[in-house]
Amino acid sequence: MQIESTMLPGVLHADPADRLIIATARIKKYSLVTRDEKIQKYSQQGHLTVVKA
């Protein structure tokens, strides 16, 4: 997952914790429940499924 977190598609901020969470969700094919607006914005690029909390 560490490698995936450094190679995420699209535009995303550099917060390593967010990148690891996103990479894990993508690998496991999970929907991510979050209030984080940056992650929600990233999901709009189509690289992640997010449920707004």
PDB file of N, CA and C in Angstrom:
ATOM      1  N   MET A   1       0.809  -1.181   0.000  1.00  0.00           N
ATOM      2  CA  MET A   1       0.000   0.000   0.000  1.00  0.00           C
ATOM      3  C   MET A   1       0.859   1.253   0.000  1.00  0.00           C
ATOM      4  N   GLN A   2       2.056   1.159   0.529  1.00  0.00           N
ATOM      5  CA  GLN A   2       2.923   2.326   0.530  1.00  0.00           C
ATOM      6  C   GLN A   2       3.290   2.728  -0.886  1.00  0.00           C
ATOM      7  N   ILE A   3       3.528   1.780  -1.745  1.00  0.00           N
ATOM      8  CA  ILE A   3       3.853   2.096  -3.135  1.00  0.00           C
ATOM      9  C   ILE A   3       2.643   2.704  -3.818  1.00  0.00           C
ATOM     10  N   GLU A   4       1.476   2.122  -3.628  1.00  0.00           N
ATOM     11  CA  GLU A   4       0.245   2.649  -4.220  1.00  0.00           C
ATOM     12  C   GLU A   4       0.019   4.089  -3.788  1.00  0.00           C
ATOM     13  N   SER A   5       0.310   4.405  -2.525  1.00  0.00           N
ATOM     14  CA  SER A   5       0.053   5.755  -2.022  1.00  0.00           C
ATOM     15  C   SER A   5       0.938   6.802  -2.691  1.00  0.00           C
ATOM     16  N   THR A   6       2.058   6.393  -3.243  1.00  0.00           N
ATOM     17  CA  THR A   6       2.937   7.352  -3.929  1.00  0.00           C
ATOM     18  C   THR A   6       2.619   7.450  -5.413  1.00  0.00           C
ATOM     19  N   MET A   7       1.737   6.586  -5.900  1.00  0.00           N
ATOM     20  CA  MET A   7       1.443   6.545  -7.333  1.00  0.00           C
ATOM     21  C   MET A   7      -0.052   6.724  -7.615  1.00  0.00           C
ATOM     22  N   LEU A   8      -0.751   7.430  -6.753  1.00  0.00           N
ATOM     23  CA  LEU A   8      -2.182   7.636  -6.939  1.00  0.00           C
ATOM     24  C   LEU A   8      -2.444   8.466  -8.203  1.00  0.00           C
ATOM     25  N   PRO A   9      -3.452   8.088  -8.968  1.00  0.00           N
ATOM     26  CA  PRO A   9      -3.767   8.858 -10.179  1.00  0.00           C
ATOM     27  C   PRO A   9      -4.423  10.190  -9.823  1.00  0.00           C
ATOM     28  N   GLY A  10      -4.385  11.111 -10.750  1.00  0.00           N
ATOM     29  CA  GLY A  10      -5.060  12.387 -10.560  1.00  0.00           C
ATOM     30  C   GLY A  10      -4.282  13.336  -9.674  1.00  0.00           C
ATOM     31  N   VAL A  11      -4.969  14.395  -9.262  1.00  0.00           N
ATOM     32  CA  VAL A  11      -4.359  15.438  -8.446  1.00  0.00           C
ATOM     33  C   VAL A  11      -4.830  15.281  -7.008  1.00  0.00           C
ATOM     34  N   LEU A  12      -3.879  15.179  -6.098  1.00  0.00           N
ATOM     35  CA  LEU A  12      -4.183  15.018  -4.676  1.00  0.00           C
ATOM     36  C   LEU A  12      -3.106  15.716  -3.867  1.00  0.00           C
ATOM     37  N   HIS A  13      -3.489  16.289  -2.730  1.00  0.00           N
ATOM     38  CA  HIS A  13      -2.514  16.941  -1.855  1.00  0.00           C
ATOM     39  C   HIS A  13      -1.521  15.915  -1.321  1.00  0.00           C
ATOM     40  N   ALA A  14      -0.467  16.393  -0.684  1.00  0.00           N
ATOM     41  CA  ALA A  14       0.647  15.524  -0.305  1.00  0.00           C
ATOM     42  C   ALA A  14       0.560  14.922   1.093  1.00  0.00           C
ATOM     43  N   ASP A  15      -0.556  15.058   1.790  1.00  0.00           N
ATOM     44  CA  ASP A  15      -0.671  14.524   3.149  1.00  0.00           C
ATOM     45  C   ASP A  15      -0.489  13.006   3.118  1.00  0.00           C
ATOM     46  N   PRO A  16       0.586  12.497   3.728  1.00  0.00           N
ATOM     47  CA  PRO A  16       0.863  11.053   3.640  1.00  0.00           C
ATOM     48  C   PRO A  16      -0.212  10.189   4.294  1.00  0.00           C
ATOM     49  N   ALA A  17      -0.824  10.657   5.372  1.00  0.00           N
ATOM     50  CA  ALA A  17      -1.877   9.868   6.027  1.00  0.00           C
ATOM     51  C   ALA A  17      -3.083   9.726   5.106  1.00  0.00           C
ATOM     52  N   ASP A  18      -3.508  10.828   4.489  1.00  0.00           N
ATOM     53  CA  ASP A  18      -4.627  10.764   3.549  1.00  0.00           C
ATOM     54  C   ASP A  18      -4.303   9.859   2.370  1.00  0.00           C
ATOM     55  N   ARG A  19      -3.087   9.938   1.882  1.00  0.00           N
ATOM     56  CA  ARG A  19      -2.690   9.116   0.734  1.00  0.00           C
ATOM     57  C   ARG A  19      -2.738   7.626   1.091  1.00  0.00           C
ATOM     58  N   LEU A  20      -2.305   7.265   2.311  1.00  0.00           N
ATOM     59  CA  LEU A  20      -2.366   5.860   2.740  1.00  0.00           C
ATOM     60  C   LEU A  20      -3.809   5.386   2.898  1.00  0.00           C
ATOM     61  N   ILE A  21      -4.663   6.235   3.459  1.00  0.00           N
ATOM     62  CA  ILE A  21      -6.083   5.886   3.615  1.00  0.00           C
ATOM     63  C   ILE A  21      -6.718   5.672   2.245  1.00  0.00           C
ATOM     64  N   ILE A  22      -6.460   6.573   1.320  1.00  0.00           N
ATOM     65  CA  ILE A  22      -7.020   6.472  -0.031  1.00  0.00           C
ATOM     66  C   ILE A  22      -6.488   5.240  -0.745  1.00  0.00           C
ATOM     67  N   ALA A  23      -5.195   4.996  -0.648  1.00  0.00           N
ATOM     68  CA  ALA A  23      -4.602   3.824  -1.299  1.00  0.00           C
ATOM     69  C   ALA A  23      -5.210   2.537  -0.757  1.00  0.00           C
ATOM     70  N   THR A  24      -5.392   2.463   0.542  1.00  0.00           N
ATOM     71  CA  THR A  24      -5.995   1.277   1.151  1.00  0.00           C
ATOM     72  C   THR A  24      -7.416   1.072   0.644  1.00  0.00           C
ATOM     73  N   ALA A  25      -8.195   2.145   0.618  1.00  0.00           N
ATOM     74  CA  ALA A  25      -9.574   2.045   0.134  1.00  0.00           C
ATOM     75  C   ALA A  25      -9.609   1.591  -1.321  1.00  0.00           C
ATOM     76  N   ARG A  26      -8.701   2.113  -2.141  1.00  0.00           N
ATOM     77  CA  ARG A  26      -8.671   1.727  -3.558  1.00  0.00           C
ATOM     78  C   ARG A  26      -8.292   0.257  -3.725  1.00  0.00           C
ATOM     79  N   ILE A  27      -7.272  -0.197  -3.017  1.00  0.00           N
ATOM     80  CA  ILE A  27      -6.816  -1.588  -3.143  1.00  0.00           C
ATOM     81  C   ILE A  27      -7.892  -2.563  -2.675  1.00  0.00           C
ATOM     82  N   LYS A  28      -8.529  -2.241  -1.549  1.00  0.00           N
ATOM     83  CA  LYS A  28      -9.550  -3.120  -0.976  1.00  0.00           C
ATOM     84  C   LYS A  28     -10.921  -2.925  -1.611  1.00  0.00           C
ATOM     85  N   LYS A  29     -11.034  -1.916  -2.504  1.00  0.00           N
ATOM     86  CA  LYS A  29     -12.287  -1.591  -3.181  1.00  0.00           C
ATOM     87  C   LYS A  29     -13.372  -1.197  -2.178  1.00  0.00           C
ATOM     88  N   TYR A  30     -12.964  -0.423  -1.168  1.00  0.00           N
ATOM     89  CA  TYR A  30     -13.880   0.087  -0.160  1.00  0.00           C
ATOM     90  C   TYR A  30     -14.411   1.451  -0.568  1.00  0.00           C
ATOM     91  N   SER A  31     -15.593   1.777  -0.092  1.00  0.00           N
ATOM     92  CA  SER A  31     -16.083   3.154  -0.144  1.00  0.00           C
ATOM     93  C   SER A  31     -15.581   3.831   1.123  1.00  0.00           C
ATOM     94  N   LEU A  32     -15.116   5.029   0.991  1.00  0.00           N
ATOM     95  CA  LEU A  32     -14.556   5.763   2.119  1.00  0.00           C
ATOM     96  C   LEU A  32     -15.592   6.752   2.640  1.00  0.00           C
ATOM     97  N   VAL A  33     -15.871   6.709   3.931  1.00  0.00           N
ATOM     98  CA  VAL A  33     -16.803   7.645   4.559  1.00  0.00           C
ATOM     99  C   VAL A  33     -15.954   8.740   5.207  1.00  0.00           C
ATOM    100  N   THR A  34     -16.154   9.990   4.758  1.00  0.00           N
ATOM    101  CA  THR A  34     -15.321  11.077   5.266  1.00  0.00           C
ATOM    102  C   THR A  34     -16.011  12.431   5.176  1.00  0.00           C
ATOM    103  N   ARG A  35     -15.582  13.332   6.040  1.00  0.00           N
ATOM    104  CA  ARG A  35     -15.985  14.732   5.974  1.00  0.00           C
ATOM    105  C   ARG A  35     -14.900  15.571   5.306  1.00  0.00           C
ATOM    106  N   ASP A  36     -13.759  14.967   5.072  1.00  0.00           N
ATOM    107  CA  ASP A  36     -12.607  15.689   4.524  1.00  0.00           C
ATOM    108  C   ASP A  36     -12.912  16.189   3.110  1.00  0.00           C
ATOM    109  N   GLU A  37     -12.949  17.498   2.960  1.00  0.00           N
ATOM    110  CA  GLU A  37     -13.306  18.081   1.671  1.00  0.00           C
ATOM    111  C   GLU A  37     -12.266  17.806   0.587  1.00  0.00           C
ATOM    112  N   LYS A  38     -11.010  17.682   0.977  1.00  0.00           N
ATOM    113  CA  LYS A  38      -9.958  17.398  -0.013  1.00  0.00           C
ATOM    114  C   LYS A  38     -10.131  15.982  -0.578  1.00  0.00           C
ATOM    115  N   ILE A  39     -10.463  15.041   0.283  1.00  0.00           N
ATOM    116  CA  ILE A  39     -10.685  13.668  -0.182  1.00  0.00           C
ATOM    117  C   ILE A  39     -11.962  13.601  -1.009  1.00  0.00           C
ATOM    118  N   GLN A  40     -13.005  14.316  -0.595  1.00  0.00           N
ATOM    119  CA  GLN A  40     -14.241  14.347  -1.372  1.00  0.00           C
ATOM    120  C   GLN A  40     -13.986  14.933  -2.761  1.00  0.00           C
ATOM    121  N   LYS A  41     -13.190  15.974  -2.826  1.00  0.00           N
ATOM    122  CA  LYS A  41     -12.857  16.590  -4.112  1.00  0.00           C
ATOM    123  C   LYS A  41     -12.070  15.603  -4.988  1.00  0.00           C
ATOM    124  N   TYR A  42     -11.139  14.879  -4.367  1.00  0.00           N
ATOM    125  CA  TYR A  42     -10.366  13.872  -5.105  1.00  0.00           C
ATOM    126  C   TYR A  42     -11.293  12.802  -5.678  1.00  0.00           C
ATOM    127  N   SER A  43     -12.306  12.410  -4.923  1.00  0.00           N
ATOM    128  CA  SER A  43     -13.229  11.368  -5.391  1.00  0.00           C
ATOM    129  C   SER A  43     -13.995  11.816  -6.636  1.00  0.00           C
ATOM    130  N   GLN A  44     -14.189  13.117  -6.782  1.00  0.00           N
ATOM    131  CA  GLN A  44     -14.906  13.642  -7.947  1.00  0.00           C
ATOM    132  C   GLN A  44     -14.118  13.433  -9.234  1.00  0.00           C
ATOM    133  N   GLN A  45     -12.841  13.124  -9.126  1.00  0.00           N
ATOM    134  CA  GLN A  45     -12.023  12.816 -10.296  1.00  0.00           C
ATOM    135  C   GLN A  45     -12.276  11.373 -10.775  1.00  0.00           C
ATOM    136  N   GLY A  46     -13.023  10.602  -9.969  1.00  0.00           N
ATOM    137  CA  GLY A  46     -13.389   9.252 -10.364  1.00  0.00           C
ATOM    138  C   GLY A  46     -12.428   8.161  -9.912  1.00  0.00           C
ATOM    139  N   HIS A  47     -11.510   8.495  -9.024  1.00  0.00           N
ATOM    140  CA  HIS A  47     -10.507   7.520  -8.596  1.00  0.00           C
ATOM    141  C   HIS A  47     -10.830   6.833  -7.289  1.00  0.00           C
ATOM    142  N   LEU A  48     -11.950   7.227  -6.662  1.00  0.00           N
ATOM    143  CA  LEU A  48     -12.283   6.740  -5.327  1.00  0.00           C
ATOM    144  C   LEU A  48     -13.774   6.930  -5.101  1.00  0.00           C
ATOM    145  N   THR A  49     -14.395   5.989  -4.399  1.00  0.00           N
ATOM    146  CA  THR A  49     -15.798   6.142  -4.030  1.00  0.00           C
ATOM    147  C   THR A  49     -15.866   6.668  -2.617  1.00  0.00           C
ATOM    148  N   VAL A  50     -16.569   7.799  -2.450  1.00  0.00           N
ATOM    149  CA  VAL A  50     -16.673   8.444  -1.141  1.00  0.00           C
ATOM    150  C   VAL A  50     -18.132   8.647  -0.785  1.00  0.00           C
ATOM    151  N   VAL A  51     -18.427   8.398   0.483  1.00  0.00           N
ATOM    152  CA  VAL A  51     -19.738   8.712   1.046  1.00  0.00           C
ATOM    153  C   VAL A  51     -19.490   9.876   1.995  1.00  0.00           C
ATOM    154  N   LYS A  52     -20.203  10.983   1.749  1.00  0.00           N
ATOM    155  CA  LYS A  52     -20.019  12.161   2.599  1.00  0.00           C
ATOM    156  C   LYS A  52     -20.620  11.925   3.972  1.00  0.00           C
ATOM    157  N   ALA A  53     -19.842  12.213   4.998  1.00  0.00           N
ATOM    158  CA  ALA A  53     -20.308  12.023   6.380  1.00  0.00           C
ATOM    159  C   ALA A  53     -20.880  13.318   6.913  1.00  0.00           C
TER     160      ALA A  53
END
